[in-house]
């Protein structure tokens, strides 16, 4: 069993998968998603310099293919297309949690 202290952010719509990964010892957390959470995460990623290792071939491929939907007139909208986005979604989840939360590390929520 792994004992990894790093946080892993996963799609909160998959609680069964999150539970399974936790059983393997990973510190998996469900991403906080809500209204406009996709654009919130995209804007965070766009506003920061992102460093990617050459070994992250799937992420590199997705970053090159990531696109936004087009409307009836062929104009680009502000809604990301739901293709080539699995790695990018994971990056958004982490960025939203670590960068997007200005109080990260300053406050702690006590669970009773």
PDB file of N, CA and C in Angstrom:
ATOM      1  N   UNK A   1       0.838  -1.187   0.000  1.00  0.00           N
ATOM      2  CA  UNK A   1       0.000   0.000   0.000  1.00  0.00           C
ATOM      3  C   UNK A   1       0.882   1.249   0.000  1.00  0.00           C
ATOM      4  N   UNK A   2       0.527   2.187  -0.844  1.00  0.00           N
ATOM      5  CA  UNK A   2       1.247   3.463  -0.914  1.00  0.00           C
ATOM      6  C   UNK A   2       0.951   4.332   0.294  1.00  0.00           C
ATOM      7  N   UNK A   3       1.884   5.126   0.682  1.00  0.00           N
ATOM      8  CA  UNK A   3       1.650   6.137   1.725  1.00  0.00           C
ATOM      9  C   UNK A   3       2.150   7.459   1.153  1.00  0.00           C
ATOM     10  N   UNK A   4       1.339   8.081   0.341  1.00  0.00           N
ATOM     11  CA  UNK A   4       1.717   9.305  -0.346  1.00  0.00           C
ATOM     12  C   UNK A   4       1.005  10.479   0.316  1.00  0.00           C
ATOM     13  N   UNK A   5       1.759  11.445   0.773  1.00  0.00           N
ATOM     14  CA  UNK A   5       1.190  12.590   1.475  1.00  0.00           C
ATOM     15  C   UNK A   5       0.756  13.713   0.536  1.00  0.00           C
ATOM     16  N   UNK A   6       1.147  13.642  -0.738  1.00  0.00           N
ATOM     17  CA  UNK A   6       0.744  14.678  -1.684  1.00  0.00           C
ATOM     18  C   UNK A   6      -0.747  14.589  -1.945  1.00  0.00           C
ATOM     19  N   UNK A   7      -1.326  15.725  -2.275  1.00  0.00           N
ATOM     20  CA  UNK A   7      -2.744  15.737  -2.586  1.00  0.00           C
ATOM     21  C   UNK A   7      -2.970  15.435  -4.060  1.00  0.00           C
ATOM     22  N   UNK A   8      -3.989  14.655  -4.311  1.00  0.00           N
ATOM     23  CA  UNK A   8      -4.423  14.334  -5.658  1.00  0.00           C
ATOM     24  C   UNK A   8      -5.858  14.826  -5.752  1.00  0.00           C
ATOM     25  N   UNK A   9      -6.144  15.610  -6.787  1.00  0.00           N
ATOM     26  CA  UNK A   9      -7.497  16.143  -6.959  1.00  0.00           C
ATOM     27  C   UNK A   9      -8.167  15.387  -8.093  1.00  0.00           C
ATOM     28  N   UNK A  10      -9.338  14.850  -7.797  1.00  0.00           N
ATOM     29  CA  UNK A  10     -10.053  14.021  -8.767  1.00  0.00           C
ATOM     30  C   UNK A  10     -11.451  14.580  -8.989  1.00  0.00           C
ATOM     31  N   UNK A  11     -12.091  14.084 -10.021  1.00  0.00           N
ATOM     32  CA  UNK A  11     -13.453  14.510 -10.346  1.00  0.00           C
ATOM     33  C   UNK A  11     -14.389  14.075  -9.222  1.00  0.00           C
ATOM     34  N   UNK A  12     -15.029  15.030  -8.581  1.00  0.00           N
ATOM     35  CA  UNK A  12     -15.905  14.714  -7.446  1.00  0.00           C
ATOM     36  C   UNK A  12     -17.161  13.956  -7.884  1.00  0.00           C
ATOM     37  N   UNK A  13     -17.406  13.883  -9.178  1.00  0.00           N
ATOM     38  CA  UNK A  13     -18.549  13.117  -9.688  1.00  0.00           C
ATOM     39  C   UNK A  13     -18.252  11.613  -9.681  1.00  0.00           C
ATOM     40  N   UNK A  14     -17.039  11.242  -9.273  1.00  0.00           N
ATOM     41  CA  UNK A  14     -16.632   9.837  -9.242  1.00  0.00           C
ATOM     42  C   UNK A  14     -16.251   9.399  -7.824  1.00  0.00           C
ATOM     43  N   UNK A  15     -17.176   9.453  -6.857  1.00  0.00           N
ATOM     44  CA  UNK A  15     -16.828   9.116  -5.470  1.00  0.00           C
ATOM     45  C   UNK A  15     -16.351   7.677  -5.288  1.00  0.00           C
ATOM     46  N   UNK A  16     -16.850   6.761  -6.103  1.00  0.00           N
ATOM     47  CA  UNK A  16     -16.422   5.360  -5.986  1.00  0.00           C
ATOM     48  C   UNK A  16     -14.941   5.232  -6.352  1.00  0.00           C
ATOM     49  N   UNK A  17     -14.514   5.929  -7.396  1.00  0.00           N
ATOM     50  CA  UNK A  17     -13.108   5.897  -7.806  1.00  0.00           C
ATOM     51  C   UNK A  17     -12.224   6.568  -6.760  1.00  0.00           C
ATOM     52  N   UNK A  18     -12.709   7.654  -6.189  1.00  0.00           N
ATOM     53  CA  UNK A  18     -11.952   8.351  -5.145  1.00  0.00           C
ATOM     54  C   UNK A  18     -11.750   7.435  -3.952  1.00  0.00           C
ATOM     55  N   UNK A  19     -12.796   6.730  -3.541  1.00  0.00           N
ATOM     56  CA  UNK A  19     -12.692   5.792  -2.413  1.00  0.00           C
ATOM     57  C   UNK A  19     -11.682   4.689  -2.709  1.00  0.00           C
ATOM     58  N   UNK A  20     -11.707   4.195  -3.928  1.00  0.00           N
ATOM     59  CA  UNK A  20     -10.780   3.124  -4.303  1.00  0.00           C
ATOM     60  C   UNK A  20      -9.330   3.619  -4.238  1.00  0.00           C
ATOM     61  N   UNK A  21      -9.077   4.810  -4.760  1.00  0.00           N
ATOM     62  CA  UNK A  21      -7.723   5.361  -4.730  1.00  0.00           C
ATOM     63  C   UNK A  21      -7.261   5.639  -3.301  1.00  0.00           C
ATOM     64  N   UNK A  22      -8.179   6.059  -2.446  1.00  0.00           N
ATOM     65  CA  UNK A  22      -7.839   6.273  -1.033  1.00  0.00           C
ATOM     66  C   UNK A  22      -7.445   4.958  -0.362  1.00  0.00           C
ATOM     67  N   UNK A  23      -8.121   3.878  -0.718  1.00  0.00           N
ATOM     68  CA  UNK A  23      -7.780   2.568  -0.153  1.00  0.00           C
ATOM     69  C   UNK A  23      -6.354   2.165  -0.521  1.00  0.00           C
ATOM     70  N   UNK A  24      -5.861   2.666  -1.638  1.00  0.00           N
ATOM     71  CA  UNK A  24      -4.479   2.403  -2.048  1.00  0.00           C
ATOM     72  C   UNK A  24      -3.491   3.352  -1.377  1.00  0.00           C
ATOM     73  N   UNK A  25      -3.991   4.249  -0.516  1.00  0.00           N
ATOM     74  CA  UNK A  25      -3.107   5.121   0.245  1.00  0.00           C
ATOM     75  C   UNK A  25      -2.860   6.493  -0.355  1.00  0.00           C
ATOM     76  N   UNK A  26      -3.558   6.833  -1.430  1.00  0.00           N
ATOM     77  CA  UNK A  26      -3.372   8.154  -2.029  1.00  0.00           C
ATOM     78  C   UNK A  26      -4.241   9.188  -1.318  1.00  0.00           C
ATOM     79  N   UNK A  27      -3.717  10.376  -1.172  1.00  0.00           N
ATOM     80  CA  UNK A  27      -4.463  11.473  -0.553  1.00  0.00           C
ATOM     81  C   UNK A  27      -5.368  12.131  -1.571  1.00  0.00           C
ATOM     82  N   UNK A  28      -6.402  11.421  -2.002  1.00  0.00           N
ATOM     83  CA  UNK A  28      -7.292  11.912  -3.059  1.00  0.00           C
ATOM     84  C   UNK A  28      -8.417  12.738  -2.460  1.00  0.00           C
ATOM     85  N   UNK A  29      -8.644  13.884  -3.093  1.00  0.00           N
ATOM     86  CA  UNK A  29      -9.752  14.760  -2.703  1.00  0.00           C
ATOM     87  C   UNK A  29     -10.620  15.005  -3.927  1.00  0.00           C
ATOM     88  N   UNK A  30     -11.910  15.065  -3.702  1.00  0.00           N
ATOM     89  CA  UNK A  30     -12.815  15.422  -4.787  1.00  0.00           C
ATOM     90  C   UNK A  30     -12.710  16.914  -5.049  1.00  0.00           C
ATOM     91  N   UNK A  31     -12.620  17.279  -6.310  1.00  0.00           N
ATOM     92  CA  UNK A  31     -12.534  18.692  -6.677  1.00  0.00           C
ATOM     93  C   UNK A  31     -13.843  19.395  -6.345  1.00  0.00           C
ATOM     94  N   UNK A  32     -13.733  20.620  -5.866  1.00  0.00           N
ATOM     95  CA  UNK A  32     -14.918  21.424  -5.595  1.00  0.00           C
ATOM     96  C   UNK A  32     -15.366  22.003  -6.927  1.00  0.00           C
ATOM     97  N   UNK A  33     -16.552  21.608  -7.349  1.00  0.00           N
ATOM     98  CA  UNK A  33     -17.061  22.087  -8.624  1.00  0.00           C
ATOM     99  C   UNK A  33     -18.380  22.788  -8.375  1.00  0.00           C
ATOM    100  N   UNK A  34     -18.611  23.789  -9.123  1.00  0.00           N
ATOM    101  CA  UNK A  34     -19.853  24.532  -9.005  1.00  0.00           C
ATOM    102  C   UNK A  34     -20.093  25.295 -10.286  1.00  0.00           C
ATOM    103  N   UNK A  35     -21.005  26.216 -10.202  1.00  0.00           N
ATOM    104  CA  UNK A  35     -21.339  27.025 -11.357  1.00  0.00           C
ATOM    105  C   UNK A  35     -20.088  27.746 -11.866  1.00  0.00           C
ATOM    106  N   UNK A  36     -19.842  27.662 -13.130  1.00  0.00           N
ATOM    107  CA  UNK A  36     -18.704  28.320 -13.786  1.00  0.00           C
ATOM    108  C   UNK A  36     -17.345  27.819 -13.312  1.00  0.00           C
ATOM    109  N   UNK A  37     -17.289  26.640 -12.696  1.00  0.00           N
ATOM    110  CA  UNK A  37     -16.006  26.137 -12.193  1.00  0.00           C
ATOM    111  C   UNK A  37     -15.032  25.810 -13.321  1.00  0.00           C
ATOM    112  N   UNK A  38     -15.554  25.445 -14.491  1.00  0.00           N
ATOM    113  CA  UNK A  38     -14.654  25.146 -15.609  1.00  0.00           C
ATOM    114  C   UNK A  38     -13.925  26.413 -16.032  1.00  0.00           C
ATOM    115  N   UNK A  39     -14.669  27.490 -16.282  1.00  0.00           N
ATOM    116  CA  UNK A  39     -14.032  28.736 -16.703  1.00  0.00           C
ATOM    117  C   UNK A  39     -13.153  29.316 -15.598  1.00  0.00           C
ATOM    118  N   UNK A  40     -13.545  29.153 -14.349  1.00  0.00           N
ATOM    119  CA  UNK A  40     -12.724  29.613 -13.232  1.00  0.00           C
ATOM    120  C   UNK A  40     -11.354  28.936 -13.291  1.00  0.00           C
ATOM    121  N   UNK A  41     -11.344  27.623 -13.460  1.00  0.00           N
ATOM    122  CA  UNK A  41     -10.092  26.880 -13.530  1.00  0.00           C
ATOM    123  C   UNK A  41      -9.286  27.222 -14.767  1.00  0.00           C
ATOM    124  N   UNK A  42      -9.959  27.385 -15.914  1.00  0.00           N
ATOM    125  CA  UNK A  42      -9.266  27.745 -17.154  1.00  0.00           C
ATOM    126  C   UNK A  42      -8.598  29.108 -16.996  1.00  0.00           C
ATOM    127  N   UNK A  43      -9.307  30.059 -16.406  1.00  0.00           N
ATOM    128  CA  UNK A  43      -8.746  31.406 -16.218  1.00  0.00           C
ATOM    129  C   UNK A  43      -7.539  31.385 -15.289  1.00  0.00           C
ATOM    130  N   UNK A  44      -7.580  30.548 -14.273  1.00  0.00           N
ATOM    131  CA  UNK A  44      -6.415  30.425 -13.384  1.00  0.00           C
ATOM    132  C   UNK A  44      -5.225  29.885 -14.178  1.00  0.00           C
ATOM    133  N   UNK A  45      -5.455  28.834 -14.955  1.00  0.00           N
ATOM    134  CA  UNK A  45      -4.366  28.257 -15.747  1.00  0.00           C
ATOM    135  C   UNK A  45      -3.832  29.263 -16.767  1.00  0.00           C
ATOM    136  N   UNK A  46      -4.729  30.023 -17.388  1.00  0.00           N
ATOM    137  CA  UNK A  46      -4.300  31.001 -18.391  1.00  0.00           C
ATOM    138  C   UNK A  46      -3.508  32.153 -17.777  1.00  0.00           C
ATOM    139  N   UNK A  47      -3.722  32.420 -16.516  1.00  0.00           N
ATOM    140  CA  UNK A  47      -3.070  33.570 -15.892  1.00  0.00           C
ATOM    141  C   UNK A  47      -1.733  33.214 -15.234  1.00  0.00           C
ATOM    142  N   UNK A  48      -1.302  31.977 -15.358  1.00  0.00           N
ATOM    143  CA  UNK A  48      -0.040  31.543 -14.768  1.00  0.00           C
ATOM    144  C   UNK A  48       0.840  30.856 -15.809  1.00  0.00           C
ATOM    145  N   UNK A  49       2.119  30.944 -15.619  1.00  0.00           N
ATOM    146  CA  UNK A  49       3.050  30.213 -16.465  1.00  0.00           C
ATOM    147  C   UNK A  49       3.018  28.767 -15.995  1.00  0.00           C
ATOM    148  N   UNK A  50       2.837  27.845 -16.926  1.00  0.00           N
ATOM    149  CA  UNK A  50       2.717  26.428 -16.594  1.00  0.00           C
ATOM    150  C   UNK A  50       3.959  25.701 -17.104  1.00  0.00           C
ATOM    151  N   UNK A  51       4.581  24.956 -16.226  1.00  0.00           N
ATOM    152  CA  UNK A  51       5.755  24.176 -16.590  1.00  0.00           C
ATOM    153  C   UNK A  51       5.346  22.708 -16.655  1.00  0.00           C
ATOM    154  N   UNK A  52       5.678  22.067 -17.754  1.00  0.00           N
ATOM    155  CA  UNK A  52       5.299  20.680 -17.978  1.00  0.00           C
ATOM    156  C   UNK A  52       6.555  19.894 -18.343  1.00  0.00           C
ATOM    157  N   UNK A  53       6.730  18.742 -17.735  1.00  0.00           N
ATOM    158  CA  UNK A  53       7.900  17.915 -18.072  1.00  0.00           C
ATOM    159  C   UNK A  53       7.680  17.252 -19.423  1.00  0.00           C
ATOM    160  N   UNK A  54       8.750  16.918 -20.091  1.00  0.00           N
ATOM    161  CA  UNK A  54       8.657  16.267 -21.401  1.00  0.00           C
ATOM    162  C   UNK A  54       8.033  14.876 -21.286  1.00  0.00           C
ATOM    163  N   UNK A  55       8.012  14.322 -20.091  1.00  0.00           N
ATOM    164  CA  UNK A  55       7.416  13.002 -19.885  1.00  0.00           C
ATOM    165  C   UNK A  55       5.889  13.057 -19.809  1.00  0.00           C
ATOM    166  N   UNK A  56       5.325  14.242 -19.678  1.00  0.00           N
ATOM    167  CA  UNK A  56       3.865  14.404 -19.589  1.00  0.00           C
ATOM    168  C   UNK A  56       3.274  14.504 -20.987  1.00  0.00           C
ATOM    169  N   UNK A  57       3.467  13.452 -21.764  1.00  0.00           N
ATOM    170  CA  UNK A  57       3.094  13.494 -23.180  1.00  0.00           C
ATOM    171  C   UNK A  57       1.586  13.675 -23.400  1.00  0.00           C
ATOM    172  N   UNK A  58       0.761  13.072 -22.572  1.00  0.00           N
ATOM    173  CA  UNK A  58      -0.691  13.223 -22.740  1.00  0.00           C
ATOM    174  C   UNK A  58      -1.124  14.657 -22.453  1.00  0.00           C
ATOM    175  N   UNK A  59      -0.562  15.259 -21.415  1.00  0.00           N
ATOM    176  CA  UNK A  59      -0.903  16.643 -21.095  1.00  0.00           C
ATOM    177  C   UNK A  59      -0.436  17.574 -22.219  1.00  0.00           C
ATOM    178  N   UNK A  60       0.754  17.348 -22.729  1.00  0.00           N
ATOM    179  CA  UNK A  60       1.276  18.175 -23.819  1.00  0.00           C
ATOM    180  C   UNK A  60       0.363  18.071 -25.039  1.00  0.00           C
ATOM    181  N   UNK A  61      -0.057  16.856 -25.364  1.00  0.00           N
ATOM    182  CA  UNK A  61      -0.962  16.673 -26.509  1.00  0.00           C
ATOM    183  C   UNK A  61      -2.280  17.401 -26.289  1.00  0.00           C
ATOM    184  N   UNK A  62      -2.850  17.258 -25.085  1.00  0.00           N
ATOM    185  CA  UNK A  62      -4.115  17.925 -24.787  1.00  0.00           C
ATOM    186  C   UNK A  62      -3.979  19.442 -24.833  1.00  0.00           C
ATOM    187  N   UNK A  63      -2.878  19.963 -24.319  1.00  0.00           N
ATOM    188  CA  UNK A  63      -2.699  21.414 -24.327  1.00  0.00           C
ATOM    189  C   UNK A  63      -2.686  21.952 -25.765  1.00  0.00           C
ATOM    190  N   UNK A  64      -2.162  21.165 -26.682  1.00  0.00           N
ATOM    191  CA  UNK A  64      -2.138  21.571 -28.081  1.00  0.00           C
ATOM    192  C   UNK A  64      -3.489  21.472 -28.762  1.00  0.00           C
ATOM    193  N   UNK A  65      -4.356  20.610 -28.253  1.00  0.00           N
ATOM    194  CA  UNK A  65      -5.656  20.384 -28.883  1.00  0.00           C
ATOM    195  C   UNK A  65      -6.817  21.033 -28.125  1.00  0.00           C
ATOM    196  N   UNK A  66      -6.549  21.581 -26.952  1.00  0.00           N
ATOM    197  CA  UNK A  66      -7.619  22.168 -26.138  1.00  0.00           C
ATOM    198  C   UNK A  66      -8.270  23.299 -26.918  1.00  0.00           C
ATOM    199  N   UNK A  67      -9.585  23.317 -26.953  1.00  0.00           N
ATOM    200  CA  UNK A  67     -10.271  24.340 -27.733  1.00  0.00           C
ATOM    201  C   UNK A  67     -11.581  24.744 -27.069  1.00  0.00           C
ATOM    202  N   UNK A  68     -12.168  25.782 -27.623  1.00  0.00           N
ATOM    203  CA  UNK A  68     -13.454  26.279 -27.141  1.00  0.00           C
ATOM    204  C   UNK A  68     -14.504  26.028 -28.219  1.00  0.00           C
ATOM    205  N   UNK A  69     -15.751  25.853 -27.775  1.00  0.00           N
ATOM    206  CA  UNK A  69     -16.836  25.593 -28.713  1.00  0.00           C
ATOM    207  C   UNK A  69     -17.064  26.802 -29.610  1.00  0.00           C
ATOM    208  N   UNK A  70     -17.683  26.546 -30.747  1.00  0.00           N
ATOM    209  CA  UNK A  70     -18.042  27.616 -31.675  1.00  0.00           C
ATOM    210  C   UNK A  70     -19.562  27.703 -31.745  1.00  0.00           C
ATOM    211  N   UNK A  71     -20.061  28.916 -31.953  1.00  0.00           N
ATOM    212  CA  UNK A  71     -21.509  29.095 -32.084  1.00  0.00           C
ATOM    213  C   UNK A  71     -21.937  28.821 -33.524  1.00  0.00           C
ATOM    214  N   UNK A  72     -23.210  29.062 -33.843  1.00  0.00           N
ATOM    215  CA  UNK A  72     -23.761  28.779 -35.172  1.00  0.00           C
ATOM    216  C   UNK A  72     -23.051  29.545 -36.286  1.00  0.00           C
ATOM    217  N   UNK A  73     -22.532  30.718 -35.952  1.00  0.00           N
ATOM    218  CA  UNK A  73     -21.845  31.552 -36.956  1.00  0.00           C
ATOM    219  C   UNK A  73     -20.357  31.225 -37.061  1.00  0.00           C
ATOM    220  N   UNK A  74     -19.893  30.250 -36.264  1.00  0.00           N
ATOM    221  CA  UNK A  74     -18.482  29.880 -36.298  1.00  0.00           C
ATOM    222  C   UNK A  74     -17.601  30.716 -35.392  1.00  0.00           C
ATOM    223  N   UNK A  75     -18.218  31.539 -34.554  1.00  0.00           N
ATOM    224  CA  UNK A  75     -17.474  32.371 -33.619  1.00  0.00           C
ATOM    225  C   UNK A  75     -17.131  31.570 -32.369  1.00  0.00           C
ATOM    226  N   UNK A  76     -15.925  31.727 -31.881  1.00  0.00           N
ATOM    227  CA  UNK A  76     -15.498  31.019 -30.673  1.00  0.00           C
ATOM    228  C   UNK A  76     -16.262  31.551 -29.469  1.00  0.00           C
ATOM    229  N   UNK A  77     -16.767  30.630 -28.646  1.00  0.00           N
ATOM    230  CA  UNK A  77     -17.479  31.006 -27.416  1.00  0.00           C
ATOM    231  C   UNK A  77     -16.507  30.931 -26.240  1.00  0.00           C
ATOM    232  N   UNK A  78     -16.985  31.240 -25.052  1.00  0.00           N
ATOM    233  CA  UNK A  78     -16.136  31.108 -23.860  1.00  0.00           C
ATOM    234  C   UNK A  78     -16.387  29.787 -23.135  1.00  0.00           C
ATOM    235  N   UNK A  79     -16.959  28.812 -23.847  1.00  0.00           N
ATOM    236  CA  UNK A  79     -17.220  27.493 -23.263  1.00  0.00           C
ATOM    237  C   UNK A  79     -16.232  26.479 -23.845  1.00  0.00           C
ATOM    238  N   UNK A  80     -15.387  25.876 -22.994  1.00  0.00           N
ATOM    239  CA  UNK A  80     -14.435  24.875 -23.490  1.00  0.00           C
ATOM    240  C   UNK A  80     -15.147  23.679 -24.107  1.00  0.00           C
ATOM    241  N   UNK A  81     -14.594  23.177 -25.200  1.00  0.00           N
ATOM    242  CA  UNK A  81     -15.138  21.974 -25.837  1.00  0.00           C
ATOM    243  C   UNK A  81     -14.871  20.781 -24.927  1.00  0.00           C
ATOM    244  N   UNK A  82     -15.779  19.835 -24.925  1.00  0.00           N
ATOM    245  CA  UNK A  82     -15.644  18.666 -24.049  1.00  0.00           C
ATOM    246  C   UNK A  82     -14.884  17.548 -24.768  1.00  0.00           C
ATOM    247  N   UNK A  83     -13.710  17.883 -25.313  1.00  0.00           N
ATOM    248  CA  UNK A  83     -12.829  16.917 -25.950  1.00  0.00           C
ATOM    249  C   UNK A  83     -11.396  17.255 -25.566  1.00  0.00           C
ATOM    250  N   UNK A  84     -10.537  16.256 -25.589  1.00  0.00           N
ATOM    251  CA  UNK A  84      -9.128  16.451 -25.250  1.00  0.00           C
ATOM    252  C   UNK A  84      -8.976  17.229 -23.943  1.00  0.00           C
ATOM    253  N   UNK A  85      -9.620  16.744 -22.890  1.00  0.00           N
ATOM    254  CA  UNK A  85      -9.614  17.539 -21.664  1.00  0.00           C
ATOM    255  C   UNK A  85      -9.395  16.750 -20.373  1.00  0.00           C
ATOM    256  N   UNK A  86      -9.066  15.485 -20.436  1.00  0.00           N
ATOM    257  CA  UNK A  86      -8.922  14.722 -19.194  1.00  0.00           C
ATOM    258  C   UNK A  86      -7.749  15.222 -18.356  1.00  0.00           C
ATOM    259  N   UNK A  87      -6.597  15.376 -18.956  1.00  0.00           N
ATOM    260  CA  UNK A  87      -5.439  15.898 -18.212  1.00  0.00           C
ATOM    261  C   UNK A  87      -5.651  17.357 -17.840  1.00  0.00           C
ATOM    262  N   UNK A  88      -6.245  18.112 -18.756  1.00  0.00           N
ATOM    263  CA  UNK A  88      -6.505  19.524 -18.491  1.00  0.00           C
ATOM    264  C   UNK A  88      -7.509  19.691 -17.348  1.00  0.00           C
ATOM    265  N   UNK A  89      -8.487  18.799 -17.272  1.00  0.00           N
ATOM    266  CA  UNK A  89      -9.426  18.852 -16.152  1.00  0.00           C
ATOM    267  C   UNK A  89      -8.683  18.646 -14.841  1.00  0.00           C
ATOM    268  N   UNK A  90      -7.779  17.679 -14.817  1.00  0.00           N
ATOM    269  CA  UNK A  90      -7.008  17.422 -13.599  1.00  0.00           C
ATOM    270  C   UNK A  90      -6.176  18.646 -13.231  1.00  0.00           C
ATOM    271  N   UNK A  91      -5.588  19.296 -14.221  1.00  0.00           N
ATOM    272  CA  UNK A  91      -4.807  20.511 -13.963  1.00  0.00           C
ATOM    273  C   UNK A  91      -5.710  21.616 -13.416  1.00  0.00           C
ATOM    274  N   UNK A  92      -6.904  21.732 -13.971  1.00  0.00           N
ATOM    275  CA  UNK A  92      -7.861  22.737 -13.475  1.00  0.00           C
ATOM    276  C   UNK A  92      -8.255  22.472 -12.031  1.00  0.00           C
ATOM    277  N   UNK A  93      -8.515  21.207 -11.713  1.00  0.00           N
ATOM    278  CA  UNK A  93      -8.901  20.865 -10.342  1.00  0.00           C
ATOM    279  C   UNK A  93      -7.823  21.296  -9.362  1.00  0.00           C
ATOM    280  N   UNK A  94      -6.591  20.935  -9.650  1.00  0.00           N
ATOM    281  CA  UNK A  94      -5.487  21.279  -8.749  1.00  0.00           C
ATOM    282  C   UNK A  94      -5.289  22.789  -8.678  1.00  0.00           C
ATOM    283  N   UNK A  95      -5.308  23.456  -9.830  1.00  0.00           N
ATOM    284  CA  UNK A  95      -5.109  24.913  -9.849  1.00  0.00           C
ATOM    285  C   UNK A  95      -6.213  25.622  -9.083  1.00  0.00           C
ATOM    286  N   UNK A  96      -7.438  25.173  -9.256  1.00  0.00           N
ATOM    287  CA  UNK A  96      -8.563  25.797  -8.556  1.00  0.00           C
ATOM    288  C   UNK A  96      -8.415  25.661  -7.053  1.00  0.00           C
ATOM    289  N   UNK A  97      -7.958  24.500  -6.614  1.00  0.00           N
ATOM    290  CA  UNK A  97      -7.801  24.253  -5.182  1.00  0.00           C
ATOM    291  C   UNK A  97      -6.579  24.964  -4.603  1.00  0.00           C
ATOM    292  N   UNK A  98      -5.460  24.899  -5.304  1.00  0.00           N
ATOM    293  CA  UNK A  98      -4.206  25.405  -4.750  1.00  0.00           C
ATOM    294  C   UNK A  98      -3.965  26.883  -5.025  1.00  0.00           C
ATOM    295  N   UNK A  99      -4.331  27.346  -6.204  1.00  0.00           N
ATOM    296  CA  UNK A  99      -4.092  28.741  -6.562  1.00  0.00           C
ATOM    297  C   UNK A  99      -5.351  29.565  -6.371  1.00  0.00           C
ATOM    298  N   UNK A 100      -6.481  28.993  -6.755  1.00  0.00           N
ATOM    299  CA  UNK A 100      -7.741  29.732  -6.719  1.00  0.00           C
ATOM    300  C   UNK A 100      -8.245  30.036  -5.327  1.00  0.00           C
ATOM    301  N   UNK A 101      -7.857  29.234  -4.361  1.00  0.00           N
ATOM    302  CA  UNK A 101      -8.297  29.447  -2.987  1.00  0.00           C
ATOM    303  C   UNK A 101      -7.266  30.305  -2.269  1.00  0.00           C
ATOM    304  N   UNK A 102      -7.542  31.599  -2.185  1.00  0.00           N
ATOM    305  CA  UNK A 102      -6.584  32.530  -1.589  1.00  0.00           C
ATOM    306  C   UNK A 102      -6.304  32.237  -0.116  1.00  0.00           C
ATOM    307  N   UNK A 103      -7.200  31.539   0.545  1.00  0.00           N
ATOM    308  CA  UNK A 103      -7.012  31.235   1.965  1.00  0.00           C
ATOM    309  C   UNK A 103      -6.328  29.896   2.190  1.00  0.00           C
ATOM    310  N   UNK A 104      -5.911  29.253   1.105  1.00  0.00           N
ATOM    311  CA  UNK A 104      -5.245  27.958   1.220  1.00  0.00           C
ATOM    312  C   UNK A 104      -4.049  28.071   2.159  1.00  0.00           C
ATOM    313  N   UNK A 105      -4.011  27.251   3.169  1.00  0.00           N
ATOM    314  CA  UNK A 105      -2.891  27.240   4.098  1.00  0.00           C
ATOM    315  C   UNK A 105      -3.007  28.243   5.226  1.00  0.00           C
ATOM    316  N   UNK A 106      -3.967  29.158   5.154  1.00  0.00           N
ATOM    317  CA  UNK A 106      -4.113  30.159   6.204  1.00  0.00           C
ATOM    318  C   UNK A 106      -5.154  29.735   7.238  1.00  0.00           C
ATOM    319  N   UNK A 107      -6.152  29.041   6.786  1.00  0.00           N
ATOM    320  CA  UNK A 107      -7.225  28.630   7.670  1.00  0.00           C
ATOM    321  C   UNK A 107      -7.419  27.132   7.552  1.00  0.00           C
ATOM    322  N   UNK A 108      -7.916  26.568   8.576  1.00  0.00           N
ATOM    323  CA  UNK A 108      -8.177  25.141   8.564  1.00  0.00           C
ATOM    324  C   UNK A 108      -9.591  24.893   8.987  1.00  0.00           C
ATOM    325  N   UNK A 109     -10.288  24.010   8.326  1.00  0.00           N
ATOM    326  CA  UNK A 109     -11.654  23.684   8.691  1.00  0.00           C
ATOM    327  C   UNK A 109     -11.619  22.486   9.619  1.00  0.00           C
ATOM    328  N   UNK A 110     -12.132  22.680  10.792  1.00  0.00           N
ATOM    329  CA  UNK A 110     -12.164  21.579  11.764  1.00  0.00           C
ATOM    330  C   UNK A 110     -13.374  20.696  11.443  1.00  0.00           C
ATOM    331  N   UNK A 111     -13.152  19.421  11.364  1.00  0.00           N
ATOM    332  CA  UNK A 111     -14.252  18.482  11.117  1.00  0.00           C
ATOM    333  C   UNK A 111     -14.615  17.838  12.430  1.00  0.00           C
ATOM    334  N   UNK A 112     -15.869  17.897  12.737  1.00  0.00           N
ATOM    335  CA  UNK A 112     -16.350  17.381  14.011  1.00  0.00           C
ATOM    336  C   UNK A 112     -17.012  16.043  13.809  1.00  0.00           C
TER     337      UNK A 112
END
